[in-house]
Amino acid sequence: MHIAALLKSIGHPIRVQIIHVLTNNSSMSVSELSSALSIDQPVMSLHLAVLRKHNVIKAEKRGKQSFYYLSDINTQQIVNIAYYAKMD
């Protein structure tokens, strides 16, 4: 059951992009992620909340901003394999 919930949480195209961007950056704020992916902040915040709920990412407060980072290398590897897989 846990695996299915995890895969469902990372299955949305925006969430895949978030994980992919965080793979190449140690941590990023909501503003930085929104800018990098050209996604409105409210939409970004909703997707970040889903990823946090399933422990895919974690947040660290620095002043008034939260910086998000990947919490599990295994999830990162799953997304990277899927992201770079070529469909025949």
PDB file of N, CA and C in Angstrom:
ATOM      1  N   MET A   1       0.820  -1.188   0.000  1.00  0.00           N
ATOM      2  CA  MET A   1       0.000   0.000   0.000  1.00  0.00           C
ATOM      3  C   MET A   1       0.870   1.260   0.000  1.00  0.00           C
ATOM      4  N   HIS A   2       1.935   1.248   0.795  1.00  0.00           N
ATOM      5  CA  HIS A   2       2.824   2.406   0.878  1.00  0.00           C
ATOM      6  C   HIS A   2       3.460   2.725  -0.480  1.00  0.00           C
ATOM      7  N   ILE A   3       3.854   1.690  -1.199  1.00  0.00           N
ATOM      8  CA  ILE A   3       4.503   1.896  -2.498  1.00  0.00           C
ATOM      9  C   ILE A   3       3.530   2.517  -3.490  1.00  0.00           C
ATOM     10  N   ALA A   4       2.306   2.036  -3.504  1.00  0.00           N
ATOM     11  CA  ALA A   4       1.309   2.588  -4.419  1.00  0.00           C
ATOM     12  C   ALA A   4       1.041   4.056  -4.113  1.00  0.00           C
ATOM     13  N   ALA A   5       0.943   4.413  -2.846  1.00  0.00           N
ATOM     14  CA  ALA A   5       0.717   5.809  -2.451  1.00  0.00           C
ATOM     15  C   ALA A   5       1.900   6.682  -2.853  1.00  0.00           C
ATOM     16  N   LEU A   6       3.108   6.164  -2.680  1.00  0.00           N
ATOM     17  CA  LEU A   6       4.299   6.914  -3.068  1.00  0.00           C
ATOM     18  C   LEU A   6       4.310   7.151  -4.570  1.00  0.00           C
ATOM     19  N   LEU A   7       4.067   6.114  -5.347  1.00  0.00           N
ATOM     20  CA  LEU A   7       4.076   6.264  -6.806  1.00  0.00           C
ATOM     21  C   LEU A   7       2.984   7.216  -7.275  1.00  0.00           C
ATOM     22  N   LYS A   8       1.824   7.163  -6.633  1.00  0.00           N
ATOM     23  CA  LYS A   8       0.745   8.077  -6.991  1.00  0.00           C
ATOM     24  C   LYS A   8       1.150   9.523  -6.667  1.00  0.00           C
ATOM     25  N   SER A   9       1.832   9.727  -5.543  1.00  0.00           N
ATOM     26  CA  SER A   9       2.223  11.085  -5.152  1.00  0.00           C
ATOM     27  C   SER A   9       3.255  11.689  -6.095  1.00  0.00           C
ATOM     28  N   ILE A  10       4.090  10.860  -6.685  1.00  0.00           N
ATOM     29  CA  ILE A  10       5.115  11.399  -7.591  1.00  0.00           C
ATOM     30  C   ILE A  10       4.696  11.288  -9.052  1.00  0.00           C
ATOM     31  N   GLY A  11       3.491  10.783  -9.309  1.00  0.00           N
ATOM     32  CA  GLY A  11       3.052  10.525 -10.672  1.00  0.00           C
ATOM     33  C   GLY A  11       2.580  11.720 -11.473  1.00  0.00           C
ATOM     34  N   HIS A  12       2.357  12.838 -10.837  1.00  0.00           N
ATOM     35  CA  HIS A  12       1.876  14.028 -11.553  1.00  0.00           C
ATOM     36  C   HIS A  12       3.046  14.695 -12.283  1.00  0.00           C
ATOM     37  N   PRO A  13       2.845  15.147 -13.514  1.00  0.00           N
ATOM     38  CA  PRO A  13       3.941  15.748 -14.287  1.00  0.00           C
ATOM     39  C   PRO A  13       4.640  16.918 -13.578  1.00  0.00           C
ATOM     40  N   ILE A  14       3.895  17.749 -12.877  1.00  0.00           N
ATOM     41  CA  ILE A  14       4.533  18.871 -12.164  1.00  0.00           C
ATOM     42  C   ILE A  14       5.411  18.338 -11.038  1.00  0.00           C
ATOM     43  N   ARG A  15       4.946  17.312 -10.338  1.00  0.00           N
ATOM     44  CA  ARG A  15       5.739  16.751  -9.236  1.00  0.00           C
ATOM     45  C   ARG A  15       7.004  16.079  -9.753  1.00  0.00           C
ATOM     46  N   VAL A  16       6.903  15.448 -10.902  1.00  0.00           N
ATOM     47  CA  VAL A  16       8.095  14.859 -11.527  1.00  0.00           C
ATOM     48  C   VAL A  16       9.099  15.969 -11.829  1.00  0.00           C
ATOM     49  N   GLN A  17       8.617  17.088 -12.359  1.00  0.00           N
ATOM     50  CA  GLN A  17       9.501  18.215 -12.660  1.00  0.00           C
ATOM     51  C   GLN A  17      10.135  18.768 -11.383  1.00  0.00           C
ATOM     52  N   ILE A  18       9.359  18.880 -10.321  1.00  0.00           N
ATOM     53  CA  ILE A  18       9.887  19.386  -9.048  1.00  0.00           C
ATOM     54  C   ILE A  18      11.026  18.492  -8.567  1.00  0.00           C
ATOM     55  N   ILE A  19      10.779  17.189  -8.571  1.00  0.00           N
ATOM     56  CA  ILE A  19      11.810  16.249  -8.113  1.00  0.00           C
ATOM     57  C   ILE A  19      13.033  16.325  -9.012  1.00  0.00           C
ATOM     58  N   HIS A  20      12.814  16.429 -10.302  1.00  0.00           N
ATOM     59  CA  HIS A  20      13.936  16.518 -11.244  1.00  0.00           C
ATOM     60  C   HIS A  20      14.774  17.778 -10.988  1.00  0.00           C
ATOM     61  N   VAL A  21      14.118  18.906 -10.771  1.00  0.00           N
ATOM     62  CA  VAL A  21      14.843  20.156 -10.498  1.00  0.00           C
ATOM     63  C   VAL A  21      15.586  20.061  -9.171  1.00  0.00           C
ATOM     64  N   LEU A  22      14.947  19.487  -8.158  1.00  0.00           N
ATOM     65  CA  LEU A  22      15.604  19.358  -6.857  1.00  0.00           C
ATOM     66  C   LEU A  22      16.761  18.367  -6.899  1.00  0.00           C
ATOM     67  N   THR A  23      16.743  17.454  -7.846  1.00  0.00           N
ATOM     68  CA  THR A  23      17.861  16.524  -8.019  1.00  0.00           C
ATOM     69  C   THR A  23      19.135  17.298  -8.355  1.00  0.00           C
ATOM     70  N   ASN A  24      18.975  18.370  -9.122  1.00  0.00           N
ATOM     71  CA  ASN A  24      20.130  19.152  -9.572  1.00  0.00           C
ATOM     72  C   ASN A  24      20.453  20.334  -8.667  1.00  0.00           C
ATOM     73  N   ASN A  25      19.675  20.523  -7.606  1.00  0.00           N
ATOM     74  CA  ASN A  25      19.896  21.619  -6.659  1.00  0.00           C
ATOM     75  C   ASN A  25      19.734  21.059  -5.254  1.00  0.00           C
ATOM     76  N   SER A  26      20.593  21.487  -4.350  1.00  0.00           N
ATOM     77  CA  SER A  26      20.512  20.926  -2.997  1.00  0.00           C
ATOM     78  C   SER A  26      19.222  21.323  -2.292  1.00  0.00           C
ATOM     79  N   SER A  27      18.791  22.562  -2.461  1.00  0.00           N
ATOM     80  CA  SER A  27      17.509  23.005  -1.912  1.00  0.00           C
ATOM     81  C   SER A  27      17.077  24.263  -2.654  1.00  0.00           C
ATOM     82  N   MET A  28      15.759  24.480  -2.672  1.00  0.00           N
ATOM     83  CA  MET A  28      15.203  25.641  -3.369  1.00  0.00           C
ATOM     84  C   MET A  28      13.976  26.131  -2.629  1.00  0.00           C
ATOM     85  N   SER A  29      13.734  27.434  -2.713  1.00  0.00           N
ATOM     86  CA  SER A  29      12.530  28.022  -2.125  1.00  0.00           C
ATOM     87  C   SER A  29      11.359  27.849  -3.089  1.00  0.00           C
ATOM     88  N   VAL A  30      10.160  28.131  -2.595  1.00  0.00           N
ATOM     89  CA  VAL A  30       8.965  28.072  -3.456  1.00  0.00           C
ATOM     90  C   VAL A  30       9.136  29.033  -4.626  1.00  0.00           C
ATOM     91  N   SER A  31       9.639  30.227  -4.351  1.00  0.00           N
ATOM     92  CA  SER A  31       9.837  31.227  -5.406  1.00  0.00           C
ATOM     93  C   SER A  31      10.801  30.717  -6.472  1.00  0.00           C
ATOM     94  N   GLU A  32      11.892  30.120  -6.041  1.00  0.00           N
ATOM     95  CA  GLU A  32      12.884  29.600  -6.985  1.00  0.00           C
ATOM     96  C   GLU A  32      12.306  28.460  -7.826  1.00  0.00           C
ATOM     97  N   LEU A  33      11.575  27.561  -7.171  1.00  0.00           N
ATOM     98  CA  LEU A  33      10.949  26.457  -7.907  1.00  0.00           C
ATOM     99  C   LEU A  33       9.907  26.971  -8.888  1.00  0.00           C
ATOM    100  N   SER A  34       9.081  27.906  -8.439  1.00  0.00           N
ATOM    101  CA  SER A  34       8.050  28.487  -9.314  1.00  0.00           C
ATOM    102  C   SER A  34       8.672  29.133 -10.539  1.00  0.00           C
ATOM    103  N   SER A  35       9.726  29.870 -10.316  1.00  0.00           N
ATOM    104  CA  SER A  35      10.417  30.544 -11.412  1.00  0.00           C
ATOM    105  C   SER A  35      11.074  29.536 -12.361  1.00  0.00           C
ATOM    106  N   ALA A  36      11.745  28.552 -11.806  1.00  0.00           N
ATOM    107  CA  ALA A  36      12.452  27.558 -12.619  1.00  0.00           C
ATOM    108  C   ALA A  36      11.500  26.753 -13.500  1.00  0.00           C
ATOM    109  N   LEU A  37      10.289  26.495 -12.988  1.00  0.00           N
ATOM    110  CA  LEU A  37       9.346  25.657 -13.728  1.00  0.00           C
ATOM    111  C   LEU A  37       8.212  26.445 -14.370  1.00  0.00           C
ATOM    112  N   SER A  38       8.240  27.765 -14.211  1.00  0.00           N
ATOM    113  CA  SER A  38       7.182  28.637 -14.759  1.00  0.00           C
ATOM    114  C   SER A  38       5.790  28.197 -14.302  1.00  0.00           C
ATOM    115  N   ILE A  39       5.672  27.990 -13.003  1.00  0.00           N
ATOM    116  CA  ILE A  39       4.415  27.566 -12.393  1.00  0.00           C
ATOM    117  C   ILE A  39       4.050  28.580 -11.311  1.00  0.00           C
ATOM    118  N   ASP A  40       2.777  28.987 -11.264  1.00  0.00           N
ATOM    119  CA  ASP A  40       2.328  29.936 -10.251  1.00  0.00           C
ATOM    120  C   ASP A  40       2.592  29.389  -8.849  1.00  0.00           C
ATOM    121  N   GLN A  41       2.926  30.296  -7.916  1.00  0.00           N
ATOM    122  CA  GLN A  41       3.261  29.873  -6.555  1.00  0.00           C
ATOM    123  C   GLN A  41       2.149  29.096  -5.850  1.00  0.00           C
ATOM    124  N   PRO A  42       0.874  29.506  -5.963  1.00  0.00           N
ATOM    125  CA  PRO A  42      -0.163  28.715  -5.287  1.00  0.00           C
ATOM    126  C   PRO A  42      -0.232  27.267  -5.788  1.00  0.00           C
ATOM    127  N   VAL A  43      -0.070  27.085  -7.080  1.00  0.00           N
ATOM    128  CA  VAL A  43      -0.075  25.733  -7.659  1.00  0.00           C
ATOM    129  C   VAL A  43       1.149  24.968  -7.167  1.00  0.00           C
ATOM    130  N   MET A  44       2.292  25.636  -7.158  1.00  0.00           N
ATOM    131  CA  MET A  44       3.526  25.013  -6.681  1.00  0.00           C
ATOM    132  C   MET A  44       3.366  24.565  -5.231  1.00  0.00           C
ATOM    133  N   SER A  45       2.801  25.426  -4.412  1.00  0.00           N
ATOM    134  CA  SER A  45       2.624  25.103  -2.989  1.00  0.00           C
ATOM    135  C   SER A  45       1.753  23.865  -2.790  1.00  0.00           C
ATOM    136  N   LEU A  46       0.708  23.714  -3.597  1.00  0.00           N
ATOM    137  CA  LEU A  46      -0.151  22.534  -3.505  1.00  0.00           C
ATOM    138  C   LEU A  46       0.627  21.252  -3.810  1.00  0.00           C
ATOM    139  N   HIS A  47       1.437  21.296  -4.842  1.00  0.00           N
ATOM    140  CA  HIS A  47       2.213  20.111  -5.223  1.00  0.00           C
ATOM    141  C   HIS A  47       3.305  19.817  -4.199  1.00  0.00           C
ATOM    142  N   LEU A  48       3.915  20.855  -3.658  1.00  0.00           N
ATOM    143  CA  LEU A  48       4.922  20.649  -2.620  1.00  0.00           C
ATOM    144  C   LEU A  48       4.295  20.014  -1.379  1.00  0.00           C
ATOM    145  N   ALA A  49       3.074  20.413  -1.056  1.00  0.00           N
ATOM    146  CA  ALA A  49       2.380  19.843   0.101  1.00  0.00           C
ATOM    147  C   ALA A  49       2.145  18.337  -0.079  1.00  0.00           C
ATOM    148  N   VAL A  50       1.779  17.931  -1.281  1.00  0.00           N
ATOM    149  CA  VAL A  50       1.572  16.499  -1.559  1.00  0.00           C
ATOM    150  C   VAL A  50       2.884  15.746  -1.395  1.00  0.00           C
ATOM    151  N   LEU A  51       3.952  16.291  -1.937  1.00  0.00           N
ATOM    152  CA  LEU A  51       5.259  15.634  -1.836  1.00  0.00           C
ATOM    153  C   LEU A  51       5.740  15.569  -0.386  1.00  0.00           C
ATOM    154  N   ARG A  52       5.471  16.615   0.389  1.00  0.00           N
ATOM    155  CA  ARG A  52       5.844  16.608   1.814  1.00  0.00           C
ATOM    156  C   ARG A  52       5.031  15.569   2.580  1.00  0.00           C
ATOM    157  N   LYS A  53       3.747  15.474   2.278  1.00  0.00           N
ATOM    158  CA  LYS A  53       2.871  14.528   2.969  1.00  0.00           C
ATOM    159  C   LYS A  53       3.373  13.093   2.816  1.00  0.00           C
ATOM    160  N   HIS A  54       3.941  12.792   1.663  1.00  0.00           N
ATOM    161  CA  HIS A  54       4.436  11.444   1.386  1.00  0.00           C
ATOM    162  C   HIS A  54       5.940  11.314   1.615  1.00  0.00           C
ATOM    163  N   ASN A  55       6.514  12.293   2.301  1.00  0.00           N
ATOM    164  CA  ASN A  55       7.939  12.282   2.681  1.00  0.00           C
ATOM    165  C   ASN A  55       8.902  12.172   1.508  1.00  0.00           C
ATOM    166  N   VAL A  56       8.485  12.689   0.363  1.00  0.00           N
ATOM    167  CA  VAL A  56       9.371  12.720  -0.805  1.00  0.00           C
ATOM    168  C   VAL A  56      10.345  13.885  -0.655  1.00  0.00           C
ATOM    169  N   ILE A  57       9.838  15.000  -0.118  1.00  0.00           N
ATOM    170  CA  ILE A  57      10.674  16.165   0.136  1.00  0.00           C
ATOM    171  C   ILE A  57      10.498  16.595   1.589  1.00  0.00           C
ATOM    172  N   LYS A  58      11.437  17.407   2.040  1.00  0.00           N
ATOM    173  CA  LYS A  58      11.351  18.010   3.370  1.00  0.00           C
ATOM    174  C   LYS A  58      11.599  19.503   3.208  1.00  0.00           C
ATOM    175  N   ALA A  59      11.213  20.248   4.222  1.00  0.00           N
ATOM    176  CA  ALA A  59      11.398  21.699   4.188  1.00  0.00           C
ATOM    177  C   ALA A  59      12.221  22.137   5.389  1.00  0.00           C
ATOM    178  N   GLU A  60      13.029  23.146   5.137  1.00  0.00           N
ATOM    179  CA  GLU A  60      13.850  23.735   6.191  1.00  0.00           C
ATOM    180  C   GLU A  60      13.573  25.231   6.203  1.00  0.00           C
ATOM    181  N   LYS A  61      13.209  25.748   7.351  1.00  0.00           N
ATOM    182  CA  LYS A  61      12.933  27.181   7.483  1.00  0.00           C
ATOM    183  C   LYS A  61      14.239  27.948   7.605  1.00  0.00           C
ATOM    184  N   ARG A  62      14.335  29.011   6.822  1.00  0.00           N
ATOM    185  CA  ARG A  62      15.457  29.963   6.926  1.00  0.00           C
ATOM    186  C   ARG A  62      14.833  31.339   6.927  1.00  0.00           C
ATOM    187  N   GLY A  63      14.728  31.919   8.105  1.00  0.00           N
ATOM    188  CA  GLY A  63      14.020  33.186   8.221  1.00  0.00           C
ATOM    189  C   GLY A  63      12.549  32.951   7.952  1.00  0.00           C
ATOM    190  N   LYS A  64      11.988  33.708   7.021  1.00  0.00           N
ATOM    191  CA  LYS A  64      10.575  33.558   6.689  1.00  0.00           C
ATOM    192  C   LYS A  64      10.332  32.590   5.542  1.00  0.00           C
ATOM    193  N   GLN A  65      11.395  32.138   4.896  1.00  0.00           N
ATOM    194  CA  GLN A  65      11.240  31.255   3.737  1.00  0.00           C
ATOM    195  C   GLN A  65      11.492  29.803   4.094  1.00  0.00           C
ATOM    196  N   SER A  66      10.809  28.921   3.381  1.00  0.00           N
ATOM    197  CA  SER A  66      11.061  27.488   3.485  1.00  0.00           C
ATOM    198  C   SER A  66      11.840  27.057   2.252  1.00  0.00           C
ATOM    199  N   PHE A  67      12.839  26.248   2.482  1.00  0.00           N
ATOM    200  CA  PHE A  67      13.628  25.693   1.393  1.00  0.00           C
ATOM    201  C   PHE A  67      13.383  24.189   1.350  1.00  0.00           C
ATOM    202  N   TYR A  68      13.087  23.709   0.165  1.00  0.00           N
ATOM    203  CA  TYR A  68      12.701  22.314  -0.026  1.00  0.00           C
ATOM    204  C   TYR A  68      13.857  21.516  -0.590  1.00  0.00           C
ATOM    205  N   TYR A  69      13.962  20.271  -0.123  1.00  0.00           N
ATOM    206  CA  TYR A  69      15.010  19.378  -0.608  1.00  0.00           C
ATOM    207  C   TYR A  69      14.480  17.950  -0.605  1.00  0.00           C
ATOM    208  N   LEU A  70      15.103  17.113  -1.408  1.00  0.00           N
ATOM    209  CA  LEU A  70      14.679  15.714  -1.504  1.00  0.00           C
ATOM    210  C   LEU A  70      15.090  14.978  -0.235  1.00  0.00           C
ATOM    211  N   SER A  71      14.179  14.181   0.287  1.00  0.00           N
ATOM    212  CA  SER A  71      14.455  13.481   1.531  1.00  0.00           C
ATOM    213  C   SER A  71      14.924  12.047   1.324  1.00  0.00           C
ATOM    214  N   ASP A  72      14.771  11.525   0.108  1.00  0.00           N
ATOM    215  CA  ASP A  72      15.075  10.117  -0.115  1.00  0.00           C
ATOM    216  C   ASP A  72      15.707   9.926  -1.494  1.00  0.00           C
ATOM    217  N   ILE A  73      16.900   9.411  -1.524  1.00  0.00           N
ATOM    218  CA  ILE A  73      17.600   9.202  -2.794  1.00  0.00           C
ATOM    219  C   ILE A  73      16.894   8.142  -3.647  1.00  0.00           C
ATOM    220  N   ASN A  74      16.209   7.196  -3.021  1.00  0.00           N
ATOM    221  CA  ASN A  74      15.518   6.150  -3.782  1.00  0.00           C
ATOM    222  C   ASN A  74      14.421   6.741  -4.662  1.00  0.00           C
ATOM    223  N   THR A  75      13.647   7.664  -4.112  1.00  0.00           N
ATOM    224  CA  THR A  75      12.603   8.324  -4.896  1.00  0.00           C
ATOM    225  C   THR A  75      13.226   9.120  -6.027  1.00  0.00           C
ATOM    226  N   GLN A  76      14.316   9.784  -5.734  1.00  0.00           N
ATOM    227  CA  GLN A  76      15.045  10.548  -6.749  1.00  0.00           C
ATOM    228  C   GLN A  76      15.459   9.630  -7.891  1.00  0.00           C
ATOM    229  N   GLN A  77      15.956   8.453  -7.576  1.00  0.00           N
ATOM    230  CA  GLN A  77      16.396   7.513  -8.605  1.00  0.00           C
ATOM    231  C   GLN A  77      15.216   7.002  -9.435  1.00  0.00           C
ATOM    232  N   ILE A  78      14.090   6.723  -8.786  1.00  0.00           N
ATOM    233  CA  ILE A  78      12.896   6.258  -9.506  1.00  0.00           C
ATOM    234  C   ILE A  78      12.471   7.304 -10.528  1.00  0.00           C
ATOM    235  N   VAL A  79      12.403   8.558 -10.093  1.00  0.00           N
ATOM    236  CA  VAL A  79      11.967   9.635 -10.985  1.00  0.00           C
ATOM    237  C   VAL A  79      12.966   9.841 -12.109  1.00  0.00           C
ATOM    238  N   ASN A  80      14.247   9.801 -11.801  1.00  0.00           N
ATOM    239  CA  ASN A  80      15.255   9.996 -12.848  1.00  0.00           C
ATOM    240  C   ASN A  80      15.222   8.875 -13.878  1.00  0.00           C
ATOM    241  N   ILE A  81      15.010   7.655 -13.441  1.00  0.00           N
ATOM    242  CA  ILE A  81      14.900   6.535 -14.386  1.00  0.00           C
ATOM    243  C   ILE A  81      13.709   6.759 -15.306  1.00  0.00           C
ATOM    244  N   ALA A  82      12.564   7.108 -14.714  1.00  0.00           N
ATOM    245  CA  ALA A  82      11.361   7.345 -15.517  1.00  0.00           C
ATOM    246  C   ALA A  82      11.524   8.564 -16.419  1.00  0.00           C
ATOM    247  N   TYR A  83      12.160   9.617 -15.895  1.00  0.00           N
ATOM    248  CA  TYR A  83      12.321  10.871 -16.653  1.00  0.00           C
ATOM    249  C   TYR A  83      13.177  10.648 -17.896  1.00  0.00           C
ATOM    250  N   TYR A  84      14.213   9.861 -17.766  1.00  0.00           N
ATOM    251  CA  TYR A  84      15.139   9.670 -18.892  1.00  0.00           C
ATOM    252  C   TYR A  84      14.841   8.435 -19.733  1.00  0.00           C
ATOM    253  N   ALA A  85      13.853   7.632 -19.335  1.00  0.00           N
ATOM    254  CA  ALA A  85      13.494   6.440 -20.114  1.00  0.00           C
ATOM    255  C   ALA A  85      12.906   6.867 -21.457  1.00  0.00           C
ATOM    256  N   LYS A  86      13.278   6.158 -22.475  1.00  0.00           N
ATOM    257  CA  LYS A  86      12.742   6.467 -23.804  1.00  0.00           C
ATOM    258  C   LYS A  86      11.665   5.470 -24.146  1.00  0.00           C
ATOM    259  N   MET A  87      10.571   6.007 -24.644  1.00  0.00           N
ATOM    260  CA  MET A  87       9.473   5.152 -25.080  1.00  0.00           C
ATOM    261  C   MET A  87       9.767   4.667 -26.501  1.00  0.00           C
ATOM    262  N   ASP A  88       9.569   3.402 -26.719  1.00  0.00           N
ATOM    263  CA  ASP A  88       9.777   2.855 -28.074  1.00  0.00           C
ATOM    264  C   ASP A  88       8.518   2.935 -28.884  1.00  0.00           C
TER     265      ASP A  88
END
